[in-house]
């Protein structure tokens, strides 16, 4: 089983496997057909308050990761549902809308899920 991350605005590929959007809000200017999603899991996205606070500021990255991890721990049912899905698929791509490919929730979520799967 492999977890990948990818901007939702990039062209879908067969190698993406099962495509899961992990944003709380729908990506601007993108139709559902263009997104080619298999699933949209808003429950594992950062809260609106955290998302607005972070504002994709790399200077807030360390604190964002900590706060987002706290939110994930506070919603174990959503994380467990996503883990169950991951176990049934060979490849899952977590999709995000942010321009910054290194500082976004999908990076943190992927790491969190991989740690849980390794247990």
N, C-alpha and C. Protein backbone atom coordinates (compact mmCIF):
# COMPACT_ATOMS: atom_id res chain seq x y z
N UNK A 1 0.83 -1.17 0.00
CA UNK A 1 0.00 0.00 0.00
C UNK A 1 0.89 1.24 0.00
N UNK A 2 0.54 2.18 -0.86
CA UNK A 2 1.33 3.40 -1.00
C UNK A 2 0.42 4.62 -0.85
N UNK A 3 0.90 5.61 -0.10
CA UNK A 3 0.20 6.88 0.03
C UNK A 3 1.02 7.93 -0.70
N UNK A 4 0.36 8.64 -1.60
CA UNK A 4 1.01 9.71 -2.34
C UNK A 4 0.27 11.02 -2.05
N UNK A 5 0.91 12.13 -2.38
CA UNK A 5 0.23 13.42 -2.30
C UNK A 5 0.41 14.14 -3.63
N UNK A 6 -0.60 14.97 -3.97
CA UNK A 6 -0.58 15.64 -5.27
C UNK A 6 -1.54 16.82 -5.25
N UNK A 7 -1.16 17.89 -5.94
CA UNK A 7 -2.08 19.01 -6.09
C UNK A 7 -3.27 18.56 -6.92
N UNK A 8 -4.46 18.91 -6.48
CA UNK A 8 -5.67 18.49 -7.17
C UNK A 8 -5.78 19.15 -8.55
N UNK A 9 -5.06 20.24 -8.77
CA UNK A 9 -5.10 20.93 -10.06
C UNK A 9 -4.26 20.25 -11.13
N UNK A 10 -3.40 19.33 -10.74
CA UNK A 10 -2.59 18.60 -11.72
C UNK A 10 -3.44 17.54 -12.41
N UNK A 11 -3.08 17.21 -13.61
CA UNK A 11 -3.84 16.24 -14.40
C UNK A 11 -3.89 14.89 -13.70
N UNK A 12 -5.09 14.33 -13.55
CA UNK A 12 -5.19 12.98 -12.95
C UNK A 12 -4.45 11.96 -13.80
N UNK A 13 -3.88 10.97 -13.11
CA UNK A 13 -3.15 9.90 -13.79
C UNK A 13 -3.60 8.55 -13.24
N UNK A 14 -3.50 7.53 -14.05
CA UNK A 14 -3.86 6.18 -13.59
C UNK A 14 -3.02 5.76 -12.39
N UNK A 15 -1.77 6.24 -12.34
CA UNK A 15 -0.88 5.90 -11.25
C UNK A 15 -1.29 6.53 -9.92
N UNK A 16 -2.26 7.46 -9.95
CA UNK A 16 -2.75 8.07 -8.71
C UNK A 16 -3.51 7.05 -7.85
N UNK A 17 -4.03 6.04 -8.48
CA UNK A 17 -4.84 5.08 -7.73
C UNK A 17 -6.13 5.73 -7.27
N UNK A 18 -6.47 5.50 -6.02
CA UNK A 18 -7.70 6.04 -5.43
C UNK A 18 -7.43 7.48 -5.01
N UNK A 19 -8.18 8.44 -5.55
CA UNK A 19 -7.93 9.87 -5.35
C UNK A 19 -8.86 10.43 -4.27
N UNK A 20 -8.24 10.98 -3.20
CA UNK A 20 -8.99 11.48 -2.05
C UNK A 20 -8.63 12.95 -1.80
N UNK A 21 -9.62 13.83 -1.91
CA UNK A 21 -9.42 15.24 -1.60
C UNK A 21 -9.48 15.42 -0.09
N UNK A 22 -8.44 16.07 0.48
CA UNK A 22 -8.37 16.24 1.93
C UNK A 22 -8.38 17.73 2.31
N UNK A 23 -9.09 18.53 1.52
CA UNK A 23 -9.31 19.94 1.82
C UNK A 23 -10.71 20.12 2.41
N UNK A 24 -10.88 21.12 3.25
CA UNK A 24 -12.19 21.41 3.83
C UNK A 24 -13.09 22.13 2.82
N UNK A 25 -12.47 22.95 1.96
CA UNK A 25 -13.25 23.69 0.97
C UNK A 25 -12.90 23.20 -0.44
N UNK A 26 -13.86 23.33 -1.35
CA UNK A 26 -13.66 22.86 -2.71
C UNK A 26 -12.64 23.76 -3.42
N UNK A 27 -11.72 23.18 -4.20
CA UNK A 27 -10.70 23.97 -4.92
C UNK A 27 -11.34 24.91 -5.94
N UNK A 28 -10.92 26.16 -5.91
CA UNK A 28 -11.47 27.19 -6.80
C UNK A 28 -11.25 26.84 -8.26
N UNK A 29 -12.30 27.09 -9.04
CA UNK A 29 -12.20 26.98 -10.49
C UNK A 29 -12.07 25.57 -11.02
N UNK A 30 -12.31 24.59 -10.20
CA UNK A 30 -12.14 23.19 -10.61
C UNK A 30 -13.50 22.49 -10.58
N UNK A 31 -13.85 21.87 -11.68
CA UNK A 31 -15.11 21.12 -11.71
C UNK A 31 -14.90 19.74 -11.08
N UNK A 32 -15.97 19.09 -10.76
CA UNK A 32 -15.88 17.73 -10.20
C UNK A 32 -15.28 16.76 -11.23
N UNK A 33 -15.58 16.98 -12.48
CA UNK A 33 -15.03 16.13 -13.54
C UNK A 33 -13.51 16.31 -13.64
N UNK A 34 -13.07 17.56 -13.58
CA UNK A 34 -11.63 17.83 -13.66
C UNK A 34 -10.88 17.24 -12.45
N UNK A 35 -11.50 17.30 -11.29
CA UNK A 35 -10.87 16.79 -10.08
C UNK A 35 -10.74 15.27 -10.11
N UNK A 36 -11.67 14.60 -10.76
CA UNK A 36 -11.65 13.14 -10.88
C UNK A 36 -11.44 12.46 -9.53
N UNK A 37 -12.24 12.87 -8.55
CA UNK A 37 -12.13 12.32 -7.20
C UNK A 37 -12.84 10.99 -7.05
N UNK A 38 -12.32 10.20 -6.16
CA UNK A 38 -13.04 9.02 -5.72
C UNK A 38 -13.75 9.32 -4.40
N UNK A 39 -13.17 10.26 -3.64
CA UNK A 39 -13.71 10.56 -2.32
C UNK A 39 -13.25 11.95 -1.88
N UNK A 40 -14.12 12.66 -1.15
CA UNK A 40 -13.77 13.94 -0.55
C UNK A 40 -13.98 13.78 0.95
N UNK A 41 -12.90 13.87 1.72
CA UNK A 41 -12.97 13.67 3.17
C UNK A 41 -12.65 14.98 3.88
N UNK A 42 -13.67 15.79 4.06
CA UNK A 42 -13.50 17.09 4.71
C UNK A 42 -13.15 16.95 6.20
N UNK A 43 -13.59 15.87 6.80
CA UNK A 43 -13.42 15.68 8.24
C UNK A 43 -11.96 15.56 8.68
N UNK A 44 -11.06 15.19 7.77
CA UNK A 44 -9.65 15.09 8.15
C UNK A 44 -8.86 16.34 7.78
N UNK A 45 -9.52 17.32 7.20
CA UNK A 45 -8.86 18.57 6.83
C UNK A 45 -8.71 19.45 8.08
N UNK A 46 -7.76 20.37 8.06
CA UNK A 46 -7.62 21.29 9.20
C UNK A 46 -8.90 22.11 9.37
N UNK A 47 -9.18 22.48 10.60
CA UNK A 47 -10.35 23.32 10.87
C UNK A 47 -10.21 24.65 10.13
N UNK A 48 -11.32 25.31 9.93
CA UNK A 48 -11.31 26.61 9.27
C UNK A 48 -10.43 27.59 10.06
N UNK A 49 -10.53 27.56 11.37
CA UNK A 49 -9.72 28.45 12.21
C UNK A 49 -8.24 28.20 12.00
N UNK A 50 -7.83 26.94 12.01
CA UNK A 50 -6.42 26.61 11.83
C UNK A 50 -5.95 26.95 10.41
N UNK A 51 -6.77 26.65 9.43
CA UNK A 51 -6.42 26.94 8.04
C UNK A 51 -6.20 28.44 7.83
N UNK A 52 -7.10 29.25 8.38
CA UNK A 52 -6.96 30.71 8.23
C UNK A 52 -5.75 31.23 9.01
N UNK A 53 -5.51 30.69 10.20
CA UNK A 53 -4.35 31.12 10.99
C UNK A 53 -3.06 30.82 10.23
N UNK A 54 -2.95 29.63 9.68
CA UNK A 54 -1.74 29.20 8.99
C UNK A 54 -1.50 30.04 7.73
N UNK A 55 -2.51 30.18 6.90
CA UNK A 55 -2.39 30.98 5.68
C UNK A 55 -1.24 30.55 4.78
N UNK A 56 -0.81 29.31 4.89
CA UNK A 56 0.29 28.75 4.11
C UNK A 56 1.58 29.56 4.26
N UNK A 57 1.79 30.05 5.47
CA UNK A 57 3.00 30.80 5.82
C UNK A 57 4.05 29.79 6.30
N UNK A 58 5.13 29.58 5.52
CA UNK A 58 6.16 28.61 5.93
C UNK A 58 6.75 28.90 7.31
N UNK A 59 6.71 30.16 7.74
CA UNK A 59 7.22 30.51 9.07
C UNK A 59 6.37 29.94 10.20
N UNK A 60 5.14 29.55 9.89
CA UNK A 60 4.23 28.96 10.88
C UNK A 60 4.15 27.44 10.74
N UNK A 61 4.96 26.86 9.86
CA UNK A 61 4.87 25.44 9.52
C UNK A 61 4.99 24.52 10.73
N UNK A 62 6.00 24.70 11.55
CA UNK A 62 6.20 23.80 12.70
C UNK A 62 5.00 23.84 13.64
N UNK A 63 4.50 25.02 13.91
CA UNK A 63 3.34 25.14 14.80
C UNK A 63 2.08 24.60 14.13
N UNK A 64 1.93 24.82 12.82
CA UNK A 64 0.79 24.27 12.10
C UNK A 64 0.77 22.75 12.20
N UNK A 65 1.93 22.12 11.98
CA UNK A 65 1.99 20.65 12.07
C UNK A 65 1.56 20.16 13.44
N UNK A 66 2.01 20.84 14.49
CA UNK A 66 1.64 20.44 15.85
C UNK A 66 0.14 20.60 16.08
N UNK A 67 -0.40 21.76 15.68
CA UNK A 67 -1.83 22.01 15.90
C UNK A 67 -2.71 21.07 15.06
N UNK A 68 -2.29 20.83 13.84
CA UNK A 68 -3.06 19.94 12.98
C UNK A 68 -3.03 18.51 13.52
N UNK A 69 -1.88 18.07 14.01
CA UNK A 69 -1.79 16.73 14.62
C UNK A 69 -2.73 16.64 15.82
N UNK A 70 -2.83 17.71 16.61
CA UNK A 70 -3.76 17.73 17.73
C UNK A 70 -5.20 17.58 17.24
N UNK A 71 -5.53 18.25 16.14
CA UNK A 71 -6.88 18.13 15.57
C UNK A 71 -7.14 16.71 15.08
N UNK A 72 -6.16 16.10 14.45
CA UNK A 72 -6.34 14.72 13.99
C UNK A 72 -6.56 13.76 15.16
N UNK A 73 -5.83 13.97 16.24
CA UNK A 73 -6.00 13.13 17.43
C UNK A 73 -7.37 13.34 18.06
N UNK A 74 -7.93 14.53 17.89
CA UNK A 74 -9.25 14.85 18.46
C UNK A 74 -10.40 14.27 17.62
N UNK A 75 -10.11 13.79 16.41
CA UNK A 75 -11.13 13.22 15.53
C UNK A 75 -10.71 11.83 15.05
N UNK A 76 -10.53 10.90 15.97
CA UNK A 76 -10.01 9.58 15.58
C UNK A 76 -10.95 8.81 14.66
N UNK A 77 -12.25 9.05 14.73
CA UNK A 77 -13.18 8.31 13.88
C UNK A 77 -12.95 8.61 12.40
N UNK A 78 -12.69 9.86 12.07
CA UNK A 78 -12.44 10.23 10.66
C UNK A 78 -11.10 9.65 10.20
N UNK A 79 -10.11 9.69 11.06
CA UNK A 79 -8.79 9.15 10.71
C UNK A 79 -8.88 7.63 10.55
N UNK A 80 -9.61 6.97 11.44
CA UNK A 80 -9.75 5.52 11.35
C UNK A 80 -10.49 5.10 10.09
N UNK A 81 -11.50 5.87 9.70
CA UNK A 81 -12.24 5.56 8.47
C UNK A 81 -11.30 5.67 7.26
N UNK A 82 -10.45 6.69 7.26
CA UNK A 82 -9.49 6.84 6.17
C UNK A 82 -8.46 5.72 6.19
N UNK A 83 -8.02 5.31 7.37
CA UNK A 83 -7.09 4.20 7.48
C UNK A 83 -7.69 2.91 6.93
N UNK A 84 -8.95 2.67 7.22
CA UNK A 84 -9.63 1.49 6.70
C UNK A 84 -9.65 1.48 5.18
N UNK A 85 -9.88 2.64 4.61
CA UNK A 85 -9.87 2.77 3.16
C UNK A 85 -8.47 2.49 2.61
N UNK A 86 -7.48 3.06 3.25
CA UNK A 86 -6.09 2.88 2.78
C UNK A 86 -5.70 1.41 2.75
N UNK A 87 -6.14 0.67 3.74
CA UNK A 87 -5.79 -0.75 3.83
C UNK A 87 -6.41 -1.57 2.71
N UNK A 88 -7.47 -1.04 2.08
CA UNK A 88 -8.15 -1.79 1.03
C UNK A 88 -7.71 -1.39 -0.38
N UNK A 89 -6.80 -0.42 -0.50
CA UNK A 89 -6.35 0.08 -1.80
C UNK A 89 -4.84 -0.08 -1.93
N UNK A 90 -4.36 -0.33 -3.14
CA UNK A 90 -2.91 -0.46 -3.31
C UNK A 90 -2.22 0.91 -3.37
N UNK A 91 -2.88 1.90 -3.96
CA UNK A 91 -2.33 3.25 -4.01
C UNK A 91 -3.44 4.25 -3.73
N UNK A 92 -3.16 5.16 -2.82
CA UNK A 92 -4.09 6.25 -2.50
C UNK A 92 -3.33 7.55 -2.64
N UNK A 93 -3.91 8.50 -3.37
CA UNK A 93 -3.31 9.82 -3.52
C UNK A 93 -4.15 10.83 -2.77
N UNK A 94 -3.52 11.49 -1.79
CA UNK A 94 -4.17 12.56 -1.03
C UNK A 94 -4.03 13.84 -1.83
N UNK A 95 -5.15 14.43 -2.18
CA UNK A 95 -5.16 15.63 -3.02
C UNK A 95 -5.37 16.88 -2.18
N UNK A 96 -4.68 17.95 -2.56
CA UNK A 96 -4.78 19.22 -1.86
C UNK A 96 -4.78 20.34 -2.88
N UNK A 97 -5.29 21.50 -2.50
CA UNK A 97 -5.39 22.62 -3.42
C UNK A 97 -4.28 23.65 -3.29
N UNK A 98 -3.53 23.64 -2.21
CA UNK A 98 -2.52 24.66 -1.96
C UNK A 98 -1.45 24.70 -3.05
N UNK A 99 -0.91 25.89 -3.28
CA UNK A 99 0.17 26.05 -4.26
C UNK A 99 1.50 25.49 -3.72
N UNK A 100 1.69 25.63 -2.43
CA UNK A 100 2.94 25.19 -1.79
C UNK A 100 2.87 23.67 -1.57
N UNK A 101 3.67 22.95 -2.32
CA UNK A 101 3.63 21.49 -2.25
C UNK A 101 4.36 20.91 -1.05
N UNK A 102 5.14 21.74 -0.36
CA UNK A 102 5.90 21.26 0.79
C UNK A 102 5.24 21.61 2.12
N UNK A 103 4.40 22.64 2.12
CA UNK A 103 3.79 23.12 3.37
C UNK A 103 2.27 23.14 3.24
N UNK A 104 1.66 21.96 3.39
CA UNK A 104 0.21 21.84 3.32
C UNK A 104 -0.24 20.65 4.16
N UNK A 105 -1.54 20.58 4.39
CA UNK A 105 -2.07 19.55 5.29
C UNK A 105 -1.86 18.13 4.78
N UNK A 106 -1.80 17.93 3.46
CA UNK A 106 -1.62 16.58 2.93
C UNK A 106 -0.26 16.01 3.34
N UNK A 107 0.75 16.85 3.44
CA UNK A 107 2.08 16.41 3.88
C UNK A 107 2.00 15.88 5.31
N UNK A 108 1.33 16.63 6.16
CA UNK A 108 1.19 16.25 7.58
C UNK A 108 0.32 15.01 7.71
N UNK A 109 -0.79 14.99 6.98
CA UNK A 109 -1.72 13.86 7.06
C UNK A 109 -1.05 12.57 6.57
N UNK A 110 -0.31 12.64 5.49
CA UNK A 110 0.39 11.46 4.97
C UNK A 110 1.33 10.89 6.04
N UNK A 111 2.12 11.76 6.65
CA UNK A 111 3.04 11.34 7.70
C UNK A 111 2.29 10.71 8.87
N UNK A 112 1.20 11.33 9.26
CA UNK A 112 0.38 10.84 10.39
C UNK A 112 -0.17 9.44 10.06
N UNK A 113 -0.72 9.28 8.88
CA UNK A 113 -1.30 7.99 8.47
C UNK A 113 -0.23 6.90 8.37
N UNK A 114 0.92 7.24 7.82
CA UNK A 114 2.00 6.25 7.71
C UNK A 114 2.48 5.80 9.06
N UNK A 115 2.55 6.72 10.02
CA UNK A 115 2.95 6.32 11.39
C UNK A 115 1.92 5.38 12.00
N UNK A 116 0.64 5.67 11.80
CA UNK A 116 -0.41 4.80 12.34
C UNK A 116 -0.40 3.42 11.68
N UNK A 117 -0.15 3.38 10.38
CA UNK A 117 -0.10 2.10 9.67
C UNK A 117 1.11 1.26 10.07
N UNK A 118 2.19 1.92 10.48
CA UNK A 118 3.41 1.20 10.87
C UNK A 118 3.30 0.54 12.24
N UNK A 119 2.31 0.92 13.00
CA UNK A 119 2.14 0.34 14.36
C UNK A 119 1.75 -1.11 14.30
